[in-house]
Amino acid sequence: MAQKNLKKNVRFDFFQITAEDSSGQETSFPMDKFANAIMSKLPTLNQRVKSISGEEIYLNKLPILNGYQCFHIVRRRADAPAIGTSNNEELKDIDLQDNQYVVEDLSILFDSSTGVGMFQRNRNSIGPTKICEYFNLVLKDVSDYENKITFHPIVRADTYKSLRKKEVITKINIKTSDINNSNLPHDFKSLFQQSIMEGLELELTLSVGRSRTKTIPKDFANKVINSVEENSTKILSANVSGGNKSENNKTYDVEPFDLLRGKLIAEYDFDLGDKKSGNHLNSASVRDEMVLLYNECKSKIIASIGDRNK
């Protein structure tokens, strides 16, 4: 039987990147000019390595793609994981040479027209907080600029309005600190024994998977969505994906929504090939897709922060 290709779902977050002075006043920050200064004054990889919380982080590449400045960031560590086989209980260490590391990487796309950065989010890569810290350390190396770089999540004002325009719901992810005392509907709570769940945190994902025809019952989904909107007490996170149906019953235009924070997010399923080919995403392919996704989201970004070109 032929090996099915693996898929990897990748999330992308959006942040407005600004510069903050000592009084708290903020202005736009030119990440494209910052990239030029890095390449000019820190031309080698070793010059760009910074240690943050015991981890080594560095800017690997700074390509320009379709007019967008991109940043390829790598976290490296010297401790390697072990490998195992299906017919042997023993685990074998991966031997790294002196100049080899285990790495996790991600890409950022910056749009100078909006001042917004699109961030690839991976399970094992560094998060925005450490990236911001890294950028500020590098900024000190390339200029005497006294302001600090800050990231602000892009928050959309039309989260619930746009979600309710979707014809079908394909995914619900809820994390709650205490389901019994949350505002979630009885239909949701009845999935669990209340005595067992008392005082416990719970994270549950309901999803149609890869299917383009299945959907989550709309009445049930609406009850969950309405309960979060009306009272999010005890809810730690709530993310819902919705789409529309075509004439041949195929779901399309699926879009993720962050119900609690209203953060603008995007998702894409990358094809990893078969298992033997590994699961590392090609960074250039990721950036190509980021350009397309960003262009799709740009009108939502402008609606949230305004058009700087006006």
C-alpha atoms as a PDB file:
ATOM      1  CA  MET A   1       0.000   0.000   0.000  1.00  0.00           C
ATOM      2  CA  ALA A   2       1.345   3.402  -0.949  1.00  0.00           C
ATOM      3  CA  GLN A   3       2.382   5.683   1.903  1.00  0.00           C
ATOM      4  CA  LYS A   4       0.061   8.673   2.219  1.00  0.00           C
ATOM      5  CA  ASN A   5       1.673  12.081   2.220  1.00  0.00           C
ATOM      6  CA  LEU A   6       1.757  13.804   5.584  1.00  0.00           C
ATOM      7  CA  LYS A   7       0.276  17.247   6.136  1.00  0.00           C
ATOM      8  CA  LYS A   8       1.454  19.895   8.584  1.00  0.00           C
ATOM      9  CA  ASN A   9      -0.900  22.640   9.666  1.00  0.00           C
ATOM     10  CA  VAL A  10       0.938  25.918  10.269  1.00  0.00           C
ATOM     11  CA  ARG A  11      -0.515  28.974  11.930  1.00  0.00           C
ATOM     12  CA  PHE A  12       0.492  32.546  11.121  1.00  0.00           C
ATOM     13  CA  ASP A  13       0.018  35.530  13.436  1.00  0.00           C
ATOM     14  CA  PHE A  14       0.113  39.218  12.556  1.00  0.00           C
ATOM     15  CA  PHE A  15       1.761  41.995  14.578  1.00  0.00           C
ATOM     16  CA  GLN A  16       2.106  45.715  14.071  1.00  0.00           C
ATOM     17  CA  ILE A  17       5.783  46.479  14.636  1.00  0.00           C
ATOM     18  CA  THR A  18       6.527  49.825  16.241  1.00  0.00           C
ATOM     19  CA  ALA A  19       9.280  51.707  18.094  1.00  0.00           C
ATOM     20  CA  GLU A  20       8.627  52.928  21.633  1.00  0.00           C
ATOM     21  CA  ASP A  21      10.583  55.739  23.299  1.00  0.00           C
ATOM     22  CA  SER A  22      11.290  56.153  27.010  1.00  0.00           C
ATOM     23  CA  SER A  23       8.028  58.057  27.535  1.00  0.00           C
ATOM     24  CA  GLY A  24       5.917  55.313  25.966  1.00  0.00           C
ATOM     25  CA  GLN A  25       5.256  57.152  22.716  1.00  0.00           C
ATOM     26  CA  GLU A  26       5.209  54.873  19.669  1.00  0.00           C
ATOM     27  CA  THR A  27       6.060  55.419  16.035  1.00  0.00           C
ATOM     28  CA  SER A  28       6.380  53.112  13.041  1.00  0.00           C
ATOM     29  CA  PHE A  29       9.596  51.117  12.813  1.00  0.00           C
ATOM     30  CA  PRO A  30      11.252  50.504   9.399  1.00  0.00           C
ATOM     31  CA  MET A  31      12.047  46.779   9.518  1.00  0.00           C
ATOM     32  CA  ASP A  32      13.236  46.887   5.907  1.00  0.00           C
ATOM     33  CA  LYS A  33      15.908  49.488   6.728  1.00  0.00           C
ATOM     34  CA  PHE A  34      16.729  47.500   9.867  1.00  0.00           C
ATOM     35  CA  ALA A  35      17.371  44.443   7.667  1.00  0.00           C
ATOM     36  CA  ASN A  36      19.722  46.463   5.450  1.00  0.00           C
ATOM     37  CA  ALA A  37      21.667  47.638   8.514  1.00  0.00           C
ATOM     38  CA  ILE A  38      21.984  44.054   9.762  1.00  0.00           C
ATOM     39  CA  MET A  39      23.347  42.801   6.447  1.00  0.00           C
ATOM     40  CA  SER A  40      25.789  45.728   6.284  1.00  0.00           C
ATOM     41  CA  LYS A  41      27.109  45.662   9.855  1.00  0.00           C
ATOM     42  CA  LEU A  42      26.591  41.994  10.789  1.00  0.00           C
ATOM     43  CA  PRO A  43      27.330  40.170   7.523  1.00  0.00           C
ATOM     44  CA  THR A  44      28.205  36.755   9.034  1.00  0.00           C
ATOM     45  CA  LEU A  45      25.950  34.308  10.885  1.00  0.00           C
ATOM     46  CA  ASN A  46      28.206  34.192  13.950  1.00  0.00           C
ATOM     47  CA  GLN A  47      27.877  37.957  14.353  1.00  0.00           C
ATOM     48  CA  ARG A  48      24.096  37.598  14.505  1.00  0.00           C
ATOM     49  CA  VAL A  49      23.932  34.896  17.194  1.00  0.00           C
ATOM     50  CA  LYS A  50      22.360  35.944  20.503  1.00  0.00           C
ATOM     51  CA  SER A  51      21.841  33.894  23.662  1.00  0.00           C
ATOM     52  CA  ILE A  52      18.364  34.337  25.123  1.00  0.00           C
ATOM     53  CA  SER A  53      17.218  32.284  28.129  1.00  0.00           C
ATOM     54  CA  GLY A  54      20.021  29.807  27.434  1.00  0.00           C
ATOM     55  CA  GLU A  55      19.065  29.382  23.768  1.00  0.00           C
ATOM     56  CA  GLU A  56      21.103  30.482  20.777  1.00  0.00           C
ATOM     57  CA  ILE A  57      19.065  32.430  18.217  1.00  0.00           C
ATOM     58  CA  TYR A  58      20.209  33.976  14.978  1.00  0.00           C
ATOM     59  CA  LEU A  59      18.996  35.520  11.743  1.00  0.00           C
ATOM     60  CA  ASN A  60      19.861  33.084   8.992  1.00  0.00           C
ATOM     61  CA  LYS A  61      18.589  34.839   5.850  1.00  0.00           C
ATOM     62  CA  LEU A  62      16.981  38.186   5.047  1.00  0.00           C
ATOM     63  CA  PRO A  63      15.496  37.755   1.558  1.00  0.00           C
ATOM     64  CA  ILE A  64      13.160  40.150  -0.217  1.00  0.00           C
ATOM     65  CA  LEU A  65      10.165  38.489  -1.832  1.00  0.00           C
ATOM     66  CA  ASN A  66       7.567  40.274  -3.985  1.00  0.00           C
ATOM     67  CA  GLY A  67       8.521  43.560  -2.360  1.00  0.00           C
ATOM     68  CA  TYR A  68       8.222  42.193   1.190  1.00  0.00           C
ATOM     69  CA  GLN A  69      11.229  42.066   3.514  1.00  0.00           C
ATOM     70  CA  CYS A  70      11.527  38.583   5.041  1.00  0.00           C
ATOM     71  CA  PHE A  71      13.445  37.308   8.060  1.00  0.00           C
ATOM     72  CA  HIS A  72      14.440  33.654   8.490  1.00  0.00           C
ATOM     73  CA  ILE A  73      15.143  33.028  12.186  1.00  0.00           C
ATOM     74  CA  VAL A  74      16.758  29.905  13.631  1.00  0.00           C
ATOM     75  CA  ARG A  75      17.023  28.577  17.173  1.00  0.00           C
ATOM     76  CA  ARG A  76      19.787  26.021  17.640  1.00  0.00           C
ATOM     77  CA  ARG A  77      20.700  23.630  20.418  1.00  0.00           C
ATOM     78  CA  ALA A  78      23.527  21.156  20.894  1.00  0.00           C
ATOM     79  CA  ASP A  79      21.466  18.470  22.669  1.00  0.00           C
ATOM     80  CA  ALA A  80      20.067  16.055  20.094  1.00  0.00           C
ATOM     81  CA  PRO A  81      16.997  13.808  20.518  1.00  0.00           C
ATOM     82  CA  ALA A  82      17.185  10.021  20.293  1.00  0.00           C
ATOM     83  CA  ILE A  83      15.800   7.790  17.547  1.00  0.00           C
ATOM     84  CA  GLY A  84      14.069   4.409  17.795  1.00  0.00           C
ATOM     85  CA  THR A  85      12.883   1.610  15.546  1.00  0.00           C
ATOM     86  CA  SER A  86       9.597  -0.284  15.379  1.00  0.00           C
ATOM     87  CA  ASN A  87      11.177  -3.633  16.355  1.00  0.00           C
ATOM     88  CA  ASN A  88      13.643  -2.568  19.049  1.00  0.00           C
ATOM     89  CA  GLU A  89      12.890  -1.084  22.466  1.00  0.00           C
ATOM     90  CA  GLU A  90      16.320   0.500  22.733  1.00  0.00           C
ATOM     91  CA  LEU A  91      16.751   4.171  21.803  1.00  0.00           C
ATOM     92  CA  LYS A  92      19.831   5.400  20.006  1.00  0.00           C
ATOM     93  CA  ASP A  93      21.412   8.810  20.457  1.00  0.00           C
ATOM     94  CA  ILE A  94      21.941  10.979  17.397  1.00  0.00           C
ATOM     95  CA  ASP A  95      25.626  11.859  17.246  1.00  0.00           C
ATOM     96  CA  LEU A  96      26.261  15.480  16.362  1.00  0.00           C
ATOM     97  CA  GLN A  97      29.590  16.754  15.142  1.00  0.00           C
ATOM     98  CA  ASP A  98      31.208  19.766  16.809  1.00  0.00           C
ATOM     99  CA  ASN A  99      29.714  22.160  14.266  1.00  0.00           C
ATOM    100  CA  GLN A 100      26.259  20.531  14.057  1.00  0.00           C
ATOM    101  CA  TYR A 101      23.090  21.473  15.926  1.00  0.00           C
ATOM    102  CA  VAL A 102      19.427  20.578  16.212  1.00  0.00           C
ATOM    103  CA  VAL A 103      17.543  23.576  14.828  1.00  0.00           C
ATOM    104  CA  GLU A 104      14.016  24.944  14.662  1.00  0.00           C
ATOM    105  CA  ASP A 105      13.279  27.764  12.266  1.00  0.00           C
ATOM    106  CA  LEU A 106      10.535  30.158  11.235  1.00  0.00           C
ATOM    107  CA  SER A 107       9.980  32.996   8.807  1.00  0.00           C
ATOM    108  CA  ILE A 108       8.614  36.524   9.213  1.00  0.00           C
ATOM    109  CA  LEU A 109       7.250  38.651   6.376  1.00  0.00           C
ATOM    110  CA  PHE A 110       7.260  42.433   6.819  1.00  0.00           C
ATOM    111  CA  ASP A 111       5.097  44.847   4.842  1.00  0.00           C
ATOM    112  CA  SER A 112       6.533  48.363   4.951  1.00  0.00           C
ATOM    113  CA  SER A 113       3.275  49.842   3.647  1.00  0.00           C
ATOM    114  CA  THR A 114       1.357  48.736   6.753  1.00  0.00           C
ATOM    115  CA  GLY A 115       4.159  48.293   9.282  1.00  0.00           C
ATOM    116  CA  VAL A 116       2.872  44.768   9.908  1.00  0.00           C
ATOM    117  CA  GLY A 117       4.825  41.552  10.309  1.00  0.00           C
ATOM    118  CA  MET A 118       3.379  38.109   9.531  1.00  0.00           C
ATOM    119  CA  PHE A 119       4.897  35.477  11.827  1.00  0.00           C
ATOM    120  CA  GLN A 120       5.120  31.743  11.184  1.00  0.00           C
ATOM    121  CA  ARG A 121       4.180  29.903  14.397  1.00  0.00           C
ATOM    122  CA  ASN A 122       5.615  26.415  14.945  1.00  0.00           C
ATOM    123  CA  ARG A 123       5.179  24.193  17.964  1.00  0.00           C
ATOM    124  CA  ASN A 124       8.914  24.053  18.693  1.00  0.00           C
ATOM    125  CA  SER A 125      10.182  27.370  17.358  1.00  0.00           C
ATOM    126  CA  ILE A 126      10.685  30.550  19.330  1.00  0.00           C
ATOM    127  CA  GLY A 127       7.717  32.794  20.067  1.00  0.00           C
ATOM    128  CA  PRO A 128       7.148  36.513  19.402  1.00  0.00           C
ATOM    129  CA  THR A 129       8.345  37.605  22.865  1.00  0.00           C
ATOM    130  CA  LYS A 130      11.820  36.136  22.388  1.00  0.00           C
ATOM    131  CA  ILE A 131      11.944  37.291  18.778  1.00  0.00           C
ATOM    132  CA  CYS A 132      11.242  40.838  19.930  1.00  0.00           C
ATOM    133  CA  GLU A 133      13.975  40.536  22.562  1.00  0.00           C
ATOM    134  CA  TYR A 134      16.353  39.245  19.899  1.00  0.00           C
ATOM    135  CA  PHE A 135      15.590  42.105  17.519  1.00  0.00           C
ATOM    136  CA  ASN A 136      16.239  44.655  20.265  1.00  0.00           C
ATOM    137  CA  LEU A 137      19.619  43.090  21.070  1.00  0.00           C
ATOM    138  CA  VAL A 138      20.589  43.179  17.392  1.00  0.00           C
ATOM    139  CA  LEU A 139      19.326  46.772  17.096  1.00  0.00           C
ATOM    140  CA  LYS A 140      21.907  47.852  19.678  1.00  0.00           C
ATOM    141  CA  ASP A 141      24.629  46.276  17.550  1.00  0.00           C
ATOM    142  CA  VAL A 142      23.730  48.061  14.330  1.00  0.00           C
ATOM    143  CA  SER A 143      22.674  51.538  15.504  1.00  0.00           C
ATOM    144  CA  ASP A 144      22.600  54.008  18.379  1.00  0.00           C
ATOM    145  CA  TYR A 145      18.803  54.155  18.101  1.00  0.00           C
ATOM    146  CA  GLU A 146      17.477  54.538  21.665  1.00  0.00           C
ATOM    147  CA  ASN A 147      13.867  53.421  21.134  1.00  0.00           C
ATOM    148  CA  LYS A 148      12.900  49.775  21.535  1.00  0.00           C
ATOM    149  CA  ILE A 149      11.049  47.563  19.079  1.00  0.00           C
ATOM    150  CA  THR A 150       7.578  46.435  20.152  1.00  0.00           C
ATOM    151  CA  PHE A 151       5.033  43.976  18.723  1.00  0.00           C
ATOM    152  CA  HIS A 152       1.266  44.525  18.908  1.00  0.00           C
ATOM    153  CA  PRO A 153      -1.120  41.760  17.775  1.00  0.00           C
ATOM    154  CA  ILE A 154      -3.471  42.772  14.977  1.00  0.00           C
ATOM    155  CA  VAL A 155      -6.972  42.624  16.464  1.00  0.00           C
ATOM    156  CA  ARG A 156      -9.932  42.482  14.112  1.00  0.00           C
ATOM    157  CA  ALA A 157     -13.134  44.240  15.102  1.00  0.00           C
ATOM    158  CA  ASP A 158     -15.399  41.960  13.065  1.00  0.00           C
ATOM    159  CA  THR A 159     -14.548  38.548  14.594  1.00  0.00           C
ATOM    160  CA  TYR A 160     -18.076  37.431  15.510  1.00  0.00           C
ATOM    161  CA  LYS A 161     -19.735  39.253  12.631  1.00  0.00           C
ATOM    162  CA  SER A 162     -17.491  37.573  10.051  1.00  0.00           C
ATOM    163  CA  LEU A 163     -17.738  34.177  11.734  1.00  0.00           C
ATOM    164  CA  ARG A 164     -21.530  34.286  11.637  1.00  0.00           C
ATOM    165  CA  LYS A 165     -21.402  34.874   7.888  1.00  0.00           C
ATOM    166  CA  LYS A 166     -19.758  31.468   7.485  1.00  0.00           C
ATOM    167  CA  GLU A 167     -22.199  28.772   6.420  1.00  0.00           C
ATOM    168  CA  VAL A 168     -20.479  25.876   8.165  1.00  0.00           C
ATOM    169  CA  ILE A 169     -18.175  25.251  11.136  1.00  0.00           C
ATOM    170  CA  THR A 170     -15.245  22.903  10.611  1.00  0.00           C
ATOM    171  CA  LYS A 171     -13.298  23.159  13.872  1.00  0.00           C
ATOM    172  CA  ILE A 172     -13.826  24.170  17.495  1.00  0.00           C
ATOM    173  CA  ASN A 173     -10.994  24.356  20.031  1.00  0.00           C
ATOM    174  CA  ILE A 174     -11.865  25.285  23.607  1.00  0.00           C
ATOM    175  CA  LYS A 175      -9.570  25.488  26.623  1.00  0.00           C
ATOM    176  CA  THR A 176     -11.228  26.089  29.970  1.00  0.00           C
ATOM    177  CA  SER A 177      -9.890  26.319  33.521  1.00  0.00           C
ATOM    178  CA  ASP A 178     -13.089  24.892  35.066  1.00  0.00           C
ATOM    179  CA  ILE A 179     -15.718  23.518  32.712  1.00  0.00           C
ATOM    180  CA  ASN A 180     -18.375  23.042  35.404  1.00  0.00           C
ATOM    181  CA  ASN A 181     -18.313  26.739  36.321  1.00  0.00           C
ATOM    182  CA  SER A 182     -17.916  28.055  32.786  1.00  0.00           C
ATOM    183  CA  ASN A 183     -20.649  29.532  30.639  1.00  0.00           C
ATOM    184  CA  LEU A 184     -20.355  26.768  28.044  1.00  0.00           C
ATOM    185  CA  PRO A 185     -23.719  25.261  27.004  1.00  0.00           C
ATOM    186  CA  HIS A 186     -25.098  22.041  28.487  1.00  0.00           C
ATOM    187  CA  ASP A 187     -24.633  20.318  25.122  1.00  0.00           C
ATOM    188  CA  PHE A 188     -20.890  20.858  25.531  1.00  0.00           C
ATOM    189  CA  LYS A 189     -20.633  20.053  29.233  1.00  0.00           C
ATOM    190  CA  SER A 190     -22.674  16.879  28.822  1.00  0.00           C
ATOM    191  CA  LEU A 191     -19.772  15.367  26.905  1.00  0.00           C
ATOM    192  CA  PHE A 192     -17.984  14.923  30.242  1.00  0.00           C
ATOM    193  CA  GLN A 193     -18.721  13.549  33.696  1.00  0.00           C
ATOM    194  CA  GLN A 194     -19.036  16.622  35.867  1.00  0.00           C
ATOM    195  CA  SER A 195     -17.664  14.934  39.002  1.00  0.00           C
ATOM    196  CA  ILE A 196     -14.450  14.010  37.190  1.00  0.00           C
ATOM    197  CA  MET A 197     -13.961  17.430  35.610  1.00  0.00           C
ATOM    198  CA  GLU A 198     -14.544  19.491  38.767  1.00  0.00           C
ATOM    199  CA  GLY A 199     -11.772  22.097  39.051  1.00  0.00           C
ATOM    200  CA  LEU A 200      -9.698  20.619  36.228  1.00  0.00           C
ATOM    201  CA  GLU A 201      -8.424  22.349  33.127  1.00  0.00           C
ATOM    202  CA  LEU A 202      -9.688  20.969  29.846  1.00  0.00           C
ATOM    203  CA  GLU A 203      -8.686  21.478  26.231  1.00  0.00           C
ATOM    204  CA  LEU A 204     -10.896  19.932  23.575  1.00  0.00           C
ATOM    205  CA  THR A 205     -10.736  20.069  19.799  1.00  0.00           C
ATOM    206  CA  LEU A 206     -13.658  19.046  17.604  1.00  0.00           C
ATOM    207  CA  SER A 207     -12.659  18.900  13.949  1.00  0.00           C
ATOM    208  CA  VAL A 208     -13.753  17.472  10.604  1.00  0.00           C
ATOM    209  CA  GLY A 209     -10.082  16.735   9.873  1.00  0.00           C
ATOM    210  CA  ARG A 210      -9.141  16.779   6.202  1.00  0.00           C
ATOM    211  CA  SER A 211     -12.694  16.237   5.016  1.00  0.00           C
ATOM    212  CA  ARG A 212     -14.120  18.883   2.710  1.00  0.00           C
ATOM    213  CA  THR A 213     -17.700  17.670   3.087  1.00  0.00           C
ATOM    214  CA  LYS A 214     -18.173  17.022   6.823  1.00  0.00           C
ATOM    215  CA  THR A 215     -19.190  19.825   9.193  1.00  0.00           C
ATOM    216  CA  ILE A 216     -19.850  20.295  12.902  1.00  0.00           C
ATOM    217  CA  PRO A 217     -23.611  20.596  13.637  1.00  0.00           C
ATOM    218  CA  LYS A 218     -24.354  24.308  13.293  1.00  0.00           C
ATOM    219  CA  ASP A 219     -26.832  24.488  16.203  1.00  0.00           C
ATOM    220  CA  PHE A 220     -24.254  23.009  18.574  1.00  0.00           C
ATOM    221  CA  ALA A 221     -21.487  25.251  17.232  1.00  0.00           C
ATOM    222  CA  ASN A 222     -23.657  28.357  17.575  1.00  0.00           C
ATOM    223  CA  LYS A 223     -24.393  27.558  21.215  1.00  0.00           C
ATOM    224  CA  VAL A 224     -20.681  27.318  21.962  1.00  0.00           C
ATOM    225  CA  ILE A 225     -19.866  30.514  20.043  1.00  0.00           C
ATOM    226  CA  ASN A 226     -22.702  32.467  21.694  1.00  0.00           C
ATOM    227  CA  SER A 227     -21.723  31.291  25.182  1.00  0.00           C
ATOM    228  CA  VAL A 228     -18.142  32.494  24.698  1.00  0.00           C
ATOM    229  CA  GLU A 229     -19.294  35.855  23.347  1.00  0.00           C
ATOM    230  CA  GLU A 230     -21.770  36.429  26.169  1.00  0.00           C
ATOM    231  CA  ASN A 231     -19.480  35.408  29.028  1.00  0.00           C
ATOM    232  CA  SER A 232     -15.954  34.071  28.665  1.00  0.00           C
ATOM    233  CA  THR A 233     -15.412  33.474  32.391  1.00  0.00           C
ATOM    234  CA  LYS A 234     -13.245  30.369  32.940  1.00  0.00           C
ATOM    235  CA  ILE A 235     -12.492  30.161  29.209  1.00  0.00           C
ATOM    236  CA  LEU A 236      -8.749  30.324  28.552  1.00  0.00           C
ATOM    237  CA  SER A 237      -8.906  30.184  24.765  1.00  0.00           C
ATOM    238  CA  ALA A 238     -11.547  29.665  22.111  1.00  0.00           C
ATOM    239  CA  ASN A 239     -10.746  29.206  18.436  1.00  0.00           C
ATOM    240  CA  VAL A 240     -13.279  28.350  15.738  1.00  0.00           C
ATOM    241  CA  SER A 241     -12.840  27.739  12.006  1.00  0.00           C
ATOM    242  CA  GLY A 242     -15.684  28.304   9.574  1.00  0.00           C
ATOM    243  CA  GLY A 243     -16.205  28.162   5.832  1.00  0.00           C
ATOM    244  CA  ASN A 244     -18.778  28.189   3.071  1.00  0.00           C
ATOM    245  CA  LYS A 245     -20.306  25.445   0.914  1.00  0.00           C
ATOM    246  CA  SER A 246     -20.066  25.217  -2.851  1.00  0.00           C
ATOM    247  CA  GLU A 247     -22.760  23.802  -5.129  1.00  0.00           C
ATOM    248  CA  ASN A 248     -21.139  20.344  -5.023  1.00  0.00           C
ATOM    249  CA  ASN A 249     -21.147  20.390  -1.190  1.00  0.00           C
ATOM    250  CA  LYS A 250     -17.420  21.095  -0.858  1.00  0.00           C
ATOM    251  CA  THR A 251     -16.261  23.383   1.928  1.00  0.00           C
ATOM    252  CA  TYR A 252     -14.156  26.343   0.828  1.00  0.00           C
ATOM    253  CA  ASP A 253     -12.939  29.690   2.131  1.00  0.00           C
ATOM    254  CA  VAL A 254     -12.205  28.214   5.583  1.00  0.00           C
ATOM    255  CA  GLU A 255     -10.968  30.862   8.006  1.00  0.00           C
ATOM    256  CA  PRO A 256      -9.808  30.602  11.659  1.00  0.00           C
ATOM    257  CA  PHE A 257     -11.184  32.952  14.335  1.00  0.00           C
ATOM    258  CA  ASP A 258      -9.826  33.763  17.795  1.00  0.00           C
ATOM    259  CA  LEU A 259     -12.990  34.375  19.844  1.00  0.00           C
ATOM    260  CA  LEU A 260     -11.352  35.668  23.020  1.00  0.00           C
ATOM    261  CA  ARG A 261      -8.669  38.031  21.786  1.00  0.00           C
ATOM    262  CA  GLY A 262      -9.919  38.666  18.285  1.00  0.00           C
ATOM    263  CA  LYS A 263      -6.398  38.255  16.928  1.00  0.00           C
ATOM    264  CA  LEU A 264      -6.084  37.995  13.171  1.00  0.00           C
ATOM    265  CA  ILE A 265      -4.674  34.584  12.308  1.00  0.00           C
ATOM    266  CA  ALA A 266      -4.166  32.520   9.162  1.00  0.00           C
ATOM    267  CA  GLU A 267      -3.533  28.806   8.639  1.00  0.00           C
ATOM    268  CA  TYR A 268      -2.176  26.634   5.862  1.00  0.00           C
ATOM    269  CA  ASP A 269      -1.685  22.875   5.420  1.00  0.00           C
ATOM    270  CA  PHE A 270       1.722  22.076   3.955  1.00  0.00           C
ATOM    271  CA  ASP A 271       2.362  18.778   2.189  1.00  0.00           C
ATOM    272  CA  LEU A 272       5.364  17.018   3.790  1.00  0.00           C
ATOM    273  CA  GLY A 273       5.532  14.078   1.404  1.00  0.00           C
ATOM    274  CA  ASP A 274       5.921  10.573   2.810  1.00  0.00           C
ATOM    275  CA  LYS A 275       7.288   9.891   6.300  1.00  0.00           C
ATOM    276  CA  LYS A 276      10.807   8.986   5.143  1.00  0.00           C
ATOM    277  CA  SER A 277      11.309  12.400   3.602  1.00  0.00           C
ATOM    278  CA  GLY A 278      11.296  14.095   7.017  1.00  0.00           C
ATOM    279  CA  ASN A 279       8.943  16.757   8.364  1.00  0.00           C
ATOM    280  CA  HIS A 280      11.012  19.914   8.063  1.00  0.00           C
ATOM    281  CA  LEU A 281       9.288  22.570   6.011  1.00  0.00           C
ATOM    282  CA  ASN A 282      11.274  24.195   3.242  1.00  0.00           C
ATOM    283  CA  SER A 283      11.593  27.816   4.342  1.00  0.00           C
ATOM    284  CA  ALA A 284      11.458  29.187   0.803  1.00  0.00           C
ATOM    285  CA  SER A 285       8.201  27.324   0.118  1.00  0.00           C
ATOM    286  CA  VAL A 286       6.770  28.638   3.393  1.00  0.00           C
ATOM    287  CA  ARG A 287       7.612  32.211   2.448  1.00  0.00           C
ATOM    288  CA  ASP A 288       6.057  31.798  -0.996  1.00  0.00           C
ATOM    289  CA  GLU A 289       2.798  30.746   0.658  1.00  0.00           C
ATOM    290  CA  MET A 290       3.079  33.537   3.237  1.00  0.00           C
ATOM    291  CA  VAL A 291       3.068  36.118   0.437  1.00  0.00           C
ATOM    292  CA  LEU A 292      -0.195  34.707  -0.907  1.00  0.00           C
ATOM    293  CA  LEU A 293      -1.811  34.464   2.537  1.00  0.00           C
ATOM    294  CA  TYR A 294      -0.687  37.955   3.505  1.00  0.00           C
ATOM    295  CA  ASN A 295      -2.143  39.451   0.351  1.00  0.00           C
ATOM    296  CA  GLU A 296      -5.440  37.713   1.134  1.00  0.00           C
ATOM    297  CA  CYS A 297      -5.431  39.166   4.659  1.00  0.00           C
ATOM    298  CA  LYS A 298      -4.232  42.665   3.811  1.00  0.00           C
ATOM    299  CA  SER A 299      -7.718  44.180   3.563  1.00  0.00           C
ATOM    300  CA  LYS A 300      -8.507  42.838   7.065  1.00  0.00           C
ATOM    301  CA  ILE A 301      -5.257  44.305   8.376  1.00  0.00           C
ATOM    302  CA  ILE A 302      -6.029  47.737   6.938  1.00  0.00           C
ATOM    303  CA  ALA A 303      -9.552  47.549   8.360  1.00  0.00           C
ATOM    304  CA  SER A 304      -8.031  46.933  11.793  1.00  0.00           C
ATOM    305  CA  ILE A 305      -5.222  49.507  11.825  1.00  0.00           C
ATOM    306  CA  GLY A 306      -6.143  51.951   9.054  1.00  0.00           C
ATOM    307  CA  ASP A 307      -4.452  52.673   5.748  1.00  0.00           C
ATOM    308  CA  ARG A 308      -1.093  54.394   6.284  1.00  0.00           C
ATOM    309  CA  ASN A 309      -1.000  55.449   2.660  1.00  0.00           C
ATOM    310  CA  LYS A 310      -3.967  57.809   3.000  1.00  0.00           C
END
